[in-house]
N, C-alpha and C. Protein backbone atom coordinates (compact mmCIF):
# COMPACT_ATOMS: atom_id res chain seq x y z
N UNK A 1 17.41 117.32 -20.82
CA UNK A 1 16.53 116.59 -19.95
C UNK A 1 15.17 117.28 -19.98
N UNK A 2 14.09 116.54 -20.24
CA UNK A 2 12.77 117.12 -20.36
C UNK A 2 12.12 117.36 -19.01
N UNK A 3 11.00 118.10 -19.06
CA UNK A 3 10.27 118.42 -17.84
C UNK A 3 9.77 117.16 -17.14
N UNK A 4 9.32 116.17 -17.91
CA UNK A 4 8.80 114.93 -17.33
C UNK A 4 9.89 114.19 -16.57
N UNK A 5 11.09 114.11 -17.14
CA UNK A 5 12.20 113.41 -16.50
C UNK A 5 12.59 114.12 -15.21
N UNK A 6 12.66 115.45 -15.23
CA UNK A 6 13.00 116.23 -14.04
C UNK A 6 11.92 116.08 -12.98
N UNK A 7 10.68 116.09 -13.39
CA UNK A 7 9.57 115.95 -12.45
C UNK A 7 9.63 114.59 -11.75
N UNK A 8 9.99 113.54 -12.49
CA UNK A 8 10.11 112.21 -11.88
C UNK A 8 11.22 112.19 -10.84
N UNK A 9 12.32 112.86 -11.12
CA UNK A 9 13.43 112.91 -10.16
C UNK A 9 13.02 113.64 -8.88
N UNK A 10 12.27 114.73 -9.02
CA UNK A 10 11.80 115.47 -7.85
C UNK A 10 10.85 114.60 -7.05
N UNK A 11 9.96 113.90 -7.72
CA UNK A 11 9.02 113.01 -7.03
C UNK A 11 9.78 111.90 -6.31
N UNK A 12 10.80 111.32 -6.96
CA UNK A 12 11.60 110.28 -6.31
C UNK A 12 12.31 110.84 -5.08
N UNK A 13 12.86 112.05 -5.19
CA UNK A 13 13.53 112.68 -4.05
C UNK A 13 12.55 112.88 -2.90
N UNK A 14 11.36 113.37 -3.20
CA UNK A 14 10.36 113.60 -2.16
C UNK A 14 9.92 112.29 -1.51
N UNK A 15 9.81 111.24 -2.29
CA UNK A 15 9.42 109.94 -1.74
C UNK A 15 10.48 109.41 -0.79
N UNK A 16 11.75 109.50 -1.19
CA UNK A 16 12.84 109.05 -0.32
C UNK A 16 12.89 109.90 0.94
N UNK A 17 12.72 111.22 0.79
CA UNK A 17 12.75 112.13 1.93
C UNK A 17 11.64 111.81 2.92
N UNK A 18 10.44 111.63 2.41
CA UNK A 18 9.30 111.33 3.28
C UNK A 18 9.50 110.01 4.00
N UNK A 19 10.00 109.01 3.31
CA UNK A 19 10.24 107.70 3.93
C UNK A 19 11.28 107.81 5.03
N UNK A 20 12.38 108.47 4.75
CA UNK A 20 13.46 108.60 5.73
C UNK A 20 12.99 109.39 6.95
N UNK A 21 12.29 110.49 6.73
CA UNK A 21 11.83 111.29 7.85
C UNK A 21 10.78 110.55 8.67
N UNK A 22 9.90 109.85 7.98
CA UNK A 22 8.89 109.07 8.69
C UNK A 22 9.49 107.96 9.53
N UNK A 23 10.43 107.24 8.98
CA UNK A 23 11.07 106.17 9.73
C UNK A 23 11.92 106.72 10.86
N UNK A 24 12.56 107.84 10.64
CA UNK A 24 13.37 108.46 11.68
C UNK A 24 12.49 108.88 12.85
N UNK A 25 11.32 109.42 12.55
CA UNK A 25 10.41 109.88 13.59
C UNK A 25 9.87 108.74 14.42
N UNK A 26 9.72 107.56 13.84
CA UNK A 26 9.17 106.45 14.59
C UNK A 26 10.26 105.47 15.01
N UNK A 27 11.50 105.87 14.92
CA UNK A 27 12.58 105.02 15.40
C UNK A 27 12.98 103.95 14.41
N UNK A 28 12.60 104.06 13.16
CA UNK A 28 13.03 103.10 12.15
C UNK A 28 12.12 101.93 11.98
N UNK A 29 11.17 101.74 12.87
CA UNK A 29 10.20 100.68 12.71
C UNK A 29 10.73 99.31 13.02
N UNK A 30 11.91 99.18 13.55
CA UNK A 30 12.46 97.87 13.87
C UNK A 30 13.27 97.94 15.13
N UNK A 31 13.72 96.81 15.59
CA UNK A 31 14.51 96.78 16.80
C UNK A 31 15.98 96.88 16.50
N UNK A 32 16.71 97.54 17.37
CA UNK A 32 18.17 97.57 17.28
C UNK A 32 18.67 98.29 16.04
N UNK A 33 19.97 98.45 15.97
CA UNK A 33 20.52 99.13 14.82
C UNK A 33 21.07 98.10 13.84
N UNK A 34 21.24 98.53 12.62
CA UNK A 34 21.79 97.66 11.58
C UNK A 34 23.22 97.28 11.89
N UNK A 35 23.62 96.08 11.51
CA UNK A 35 25.02 95.70 11.63
C UNK A 35 25.82 96.35 10.52
N UNK A 36 25.16 96.77 9.45
CA UNK A 36 25.84 97.36 8.30
C UNK A 36 25.77 98.88 8.36
N UNK A 37 26.08 99.46 9.53
CA UNK A 37 26.08 100.91 9.65
C UNK A 37 27.28 101.47 8.92
N UNK A 38 27.07 102.54 8.18
CA UNK A 38 28.16 103.19 7.48
C UNK A 38 27.89 104.67 7.40
N UNK A 39 28.88 105.45 7.06
CA UNK A 39 28.70 106.88 6.90
C UNK A 39 28.22 107.15 5.49
N UNK A 40 26.91 107.19 5.32
CA UNK A 40 26.33 107.37 4.00
C UNK A 40 26.53 108.79 3.48
N UNK A 41 26.75 109.75 4.37
CA UNK A 41 27.05 111.11 3.93
C UNK A 41 28.43 111.16 3.27
N UNK A 42 29.41 110.48 3.86
CA UNK A 42 30.76 110.43 3.27
C UNK A 42 30.70 109.71 1.93
N UNK A 43 29.91 108.63 1.85
CA UNK A 43 29.76 107.90 0.59
C UNK A 43 29.13 108.81 -0.46
N UNK A 44 28.11 109.57 -0.08
CA UNK A 44 27.45 110.50 -1.01
C UNK A 44 28.49 111.41 -1.65
N UNK A 45 29.39 111.95 -0.83
CA UNK A 45 30.41 112.88 -1.34
C UNK A 45 31.36 112.22 -2.34
N UNK A 46 31.60 110.92 -2.20
CA UNK A 46 32.57 110.22 -3.05
C UNK A 46 31.97 109.66 -4.34
N UNK A 47 30.66 109.45 -4.35
CA UNK A 47 30.01 108.88 -5.54
C UNK A 47 29.97 109.93 -6.64
N UNK A 48 30.40 109.54 -7.84
CA UNK A 48 30.50 110.48 -8.94
C UNK A 48 29.76 109.95 -10.18
N UNK A 49 29.58 110.80 -11.12
CA UNK A 49 28.89 110.47 -12.37
C UNK A 49 29.60 109.32 -13.09
N UNK A 50 28.78 108.40 -13.63
CA UNK A 50 29.29 107.34 -14.49
C UNK A 50 29.85 106.12 -13.78
N UNK A 51 29.72 106.04 -12.47
CA UNK A 51 30.23 104.87 -11.74
C UNK A 51 29.30 103.67 -11.92
N UNK A 52 29.88 102.48 -11.80
CA UNK A 52 29.09 101.24 -11.84
C UNK A 52 28.54 100.94 -10.45
N UNK A 53 27.58 100.01 -10.38
CA UNK A 53 27.06 99.59 -9.07
C UNK A 53 28.20 99.08 -8.19
N UNK A 54 29.11 98.31 -8.75
CA UNK A 54 30.21 97.74 -7.97
C UNK A 54 31.08 98.84 -7.37
N UNK A 55 31.35 99.90 -8.13
CA UNK A 55 32.14 101.01 -7.61
C UNK A 55 31.41 101.70 -6.46
N UNK A 56 30.10 101.91 -6.62
CA UNK A 56 29.30 102.53 -5.57
C UNK A 56 29.29 101.64 -4.32
N UNK A 57 29.05 100.35 -4.51
CA UNK A 57 29.04 99.41 -3.39
C UNK A 57 30.38 99.42 -2.65
N UNK A 58 31.47 99.47 -3.38
CA UNK A 58 32.79 99.50 -2.74
C UNK A 58 33.00 100.76 -1.92
N UNK A 59 32.47 101.88 -2.38
CA UNK A 59 32.57 103.13 -1.62
C UNK A 59 31.75 103.03 -0.34
N UNK A 60 30.54 102.50 -0.45
CA UNK A 60 29.65 102.40 0.70
C UNK A 60 30.11 101.31 1.67
N UNK A 61 30.61 100.23 1.12
CA UNK A 61 31.13 99.16 1.97
C UNK A 61 30.22 97.96 2.12
N UNK A 62 29.02 98.02 1.56
CA UNK A 62 28.11 96.88 1.62
C UNK A 62 27.05 97.03 0.53
N UNK A 63 26.41 95.90 0.17
CA UNK A 63 25.36 95.90 -0.85
C UNK A 63 24.14 96.67 -0.36
N UNK A 64 23.34 97.14 -1.31
CA UNK A 64 22.13 97.88 -0.96
C UNK A 64 21.31 97.06 0.03
N UNK A 65 20.70 97.74 1.00
CA UNK A 65 19.98 97.03 2.05
C UNK A 65 18.60 97.61 2.34
N UNK A 66 18.16 98.55 1.52
CA UNK A 66 16.87 99.18 1.77
C UNK A 66 15.98 99.18 0.53
N UNK A 67 16.26 98.29 -0.39
CA UNK A 67 15.39 98.15 -1.54
C UNK A 67 16.00 98.62 -2.84
N UNK A 68 15.30 98.28 -3.91
CA UNK A 68 15.73 98.58 -5.26
C UNK A 68 14.49 98.78 -6.10
N UNK A 69 14.44 99.87 -6.85
CA UNK A 69 13.33 100.15 -7.75
C UNK A 69 13.85 100.08 -9.18
N UNK A 70 13.23 99.23 -9.99
CA UNK A 70 13.65 99.03 -11.37
C UNK A 70 12.63 99.69 -12.29
N UNK A 71 13.07 100.68 -13.06
CA UNK A 71 12.19 101.41 -13.96
C UNK A 71 12.52 101.03 -15.41
N UNK A 72 11.68 100.21 -16.00
CA UNK A 72 11.81 99.81 -17.41
C UNK A 72 13.14 99.15 -17.73
N UNK A 73 13.86 98.64 -16.75
CA UNK A 73 15.08 97.90 -17.00
C UNK A 73 16.30 98.72 -17.33
N UNK A 74 16.14 100.00 -17.64
CA UNK A 74 17.31 100.82 -17.97
C UNK A 74 17.71 101.72 -16.81
N UNK A 75 16.78 102.01 -15.91
CA UNK A 75 17.06 102.86 -14.75
C UNK A 75 16.74 102.09 -13.48
N UNK A 76 17.69 102.05 -12.56
CA UNK A 76 17.49 101.37 -11.28
C UNK A 76 17.92 102.31 -10.16
N UNK A 77 17.07 102.44 -9.15
CA UNK A 77 17.40 103.19 -7.94
C UNK A 77 17.72 102.18 -6.83
N UNK A 78 18.94 102.24 -6.32
CA UNK A 78 19.36 101.39 -5.20
C UNK A 78 19.33 102.23 -3.93
N UNK A 79 18.90 101.62 -2.82
CA UNK A 79 18.81 102.36 -1.56
C UNK A 79 19.59 101.65 -0.45
N UNK A 80 20.33 102.45 0.29
CA UNK A 80 21.06 101.99 1.47
C UNK A 80 20.54 102.76 2.66
N UNK A 81 20.57 102.11 3.83
CA UNK A 81 20.22 102.80 5.05
C UNK A 81 21.23 102.45 6.14
N UNK A 82 21.41 103.37 7.07
CA UNK A 82 22.27 103.12 8.22
C UNK A 82 21.67 103.83 9.42
N UNK A 83 22.08 103.39 10.61
CA UNK A 83 21.57 103.99 11.83
C UNK A 83 20.13 103.66 12.14
N UNK A 84 19.64 102.56 11.58
CA UNK A 84 18.23 102.18 11.77
C UNK A 84 17.93 102.06 13.26
N UNK A 85 16.84 102.68 13.67
CA UNK A 85 16.42 102.63 15.06
C UNK A 85 17.13 103.65 15.93
N UNK A 86 17.89 104.56 15.32
CA UNK A 86 18.60 105.57 16.11
C UNK A 86 18.28 106.96 15.58
N UNK A 87 18.78 107.96 16.29
CA UNK A 87 18.58 109.35 15.84
C UNK A 87 19.46 109.69 14.65
N UNK A 88 20.34 108.78 14.25
CA UNK A 88 21.24 109.02 13.11
C UNK A 88 20.82 108.23 11.87
N UNK A 89 19.54 107.89 11.79
CA UNK A 89 19.02 107.15 10.64
C UNK A 89 19.25 107.95 9.36
N UNK A 90 19.80 107.28 8.34
CA UNK A 90 20.13 107.91 7.07
C UNK A 90 19.79 106.98 5.93
N UNK A 91 19.29 107.55 4.82
CA UNK A 91 19.01 106.80 3.60
C UNK A 91 19.79 107.44 2.46
N UNK A 92 20.44 106.60 1.67
CA UNK A 92 21.14 107.03 0.47
C UNK A 92 20.52 106.29 -0.71
N UNK A 93 20.11 107.04 -1.72
CA UNK A 93 19.56 106.46 -2.93
C UNK A 93 20.46 106.84 -4.09
N UNK A 94 20.85 105.85 -4.89
CA UNK A 94 21.72 106.09 -6.04
C UNK A 94 21.01 105.57 -7.29
N UNK A 95 20.91 106.42 -8.30
CA UNK A 95 20.26 106.07 -9.56
C UNK A 95 21.31 105.68 -10.59
N UNK A 96 21.10 104.53 -11.22
CA UNK A 96 21.94 104.10 -12.32
C UNK A 96 21.08 104.04 -13.58
N UNK A 97 21.51 104.74 -14.61
CA UNK A 97 20.89 104.68 -15.93
C UNK A 97 21.82 103.90 -16.83
N UNK A 98 21.30 102.81 -17.40
CA UNK A 98 22.11 101.94 -18.26
C UNK A 98 23.40 101.51 -17.58
N UNK A 99 23.31 101.22 -16.28
CA UNK A 99 24.45 100.67 -15.54
C UNK A 99 25.44 101.68 -15.01
N UNK A 100 25.17 102.98 -15.16
CA UNK A 100 26.11 104.02 -14.70
C UNK A 100 25.36 105.06 -13.87
N UNK A 101 26.02 105.57 -12.83
CA UNK A 101 25.37 106.53 -11.94
C UNK A 101 24.96 107.79 -12.69
N UNK A 102 23.74 108.23 -12.39
CA UNK A 102 23.22 109.46 -12.98
C UNK A 102 22.60 110.37 -11.93
N UNK A 103 22.57 109.90 -10.68
CA UNK A 103 22.01 110.73 -9.62
C UNK A 103 22.21 110.09 -8.26
N UNK A 104 22.11 110.93 -7.21
CA UNK A 104 22.24 110.45 -5.85
C UNK A 104 21.48 111.38 -4.92
N UNK A 105 20.91 110.79 -3.85
CA UNK A 105 20.15 111.54 -2.86
C UNK A 105 20.51 110.97 -1.49
N UNK A 106 20.78 111.84 -0.54
CA UNK A 106 20.99 111.39 0.84
C UNK A 106 20.03 112.20 1.73
N UNK A 107 19.38 111.48 2.66
CA UNK A 107 18.40 112.08 3.55
C UNK A 107 18.65 111.54 4.95
N UNK A 108 18.71 112.43 5.93
CA UNK A 108 18.90 111.95 7.29
C UNK A 108 19.18 113.06 8.27
N UNK A 109 19.82 112.69 9.36
CA UNK A 109 20.02 113.58 10.50
C UNK A 109 20.94 114.76 10.22
N UNK A 110 21.77 114.69 9.18
CA UNK A 110 22.66 115.80 8.82
C UNK A 110 22.05 116.69 7.74
N UNK A 111 20.82 116.38 7.34
CA UNK A 111 20.17 117.15 6.30
C UNK A 111 20.05 116.36 5.01
N UNK A 112 19.49 116.99 4.01
CA UNK A 112 19.22 116.35 2.73
C UNK A 112 20.10 116.97 1.65
N UNK A 113 20.52 116.13 0.70
CA UNK A 113 21.31 116.63 -0.41
C UNK A 113 21.04 115.73 -1.62
N UNK A 114 21.14 116.32 -2.80
CA UNK A 114 20.95 115.53 -4.02
C UNK A 114 21.80 116.11 -5.14
N UNK A 115 22.11 115.26 -6.09
CA UNK A 115 22.84 115.69 -7.28
C UNK A 115 22.46 114.74 -8.41
N UNK A 116 22.17 115.33 -9.57
CA UNK A 116 21.83 114.56 -10.77
C UNK A 116 22.68 115.06 -11.93
N UNK A 117 23.15 114.14 -12.75
CA UNK A 117 23.99 114.50 -13.90
C UNK A 117 23.22 114.27 -15.17
């Protein structure tokens, strides 16, 4: 993995972290909590290298609900959030390269964690 690829991952992690912390500080920017609340930290622990989007979705329990970034069609970052509007706001971002997981980041009230393969 080259320096440019690693630098992009760090930048993506920082962007997700800043967004999650900013939204957490202002209460999520919306009213009420999501109906699709889930334990994204537990999901983070279960997501492994090489999984498909469907496998990740099944672990989390619902489709991505916080956006999707498509990079040149081969890499897609899917984002899930839970606890919106509460002190337990959490964001999970999962990167798929060519349809298979290659990284994951979780940011929220229990701390931040990331892993890239």
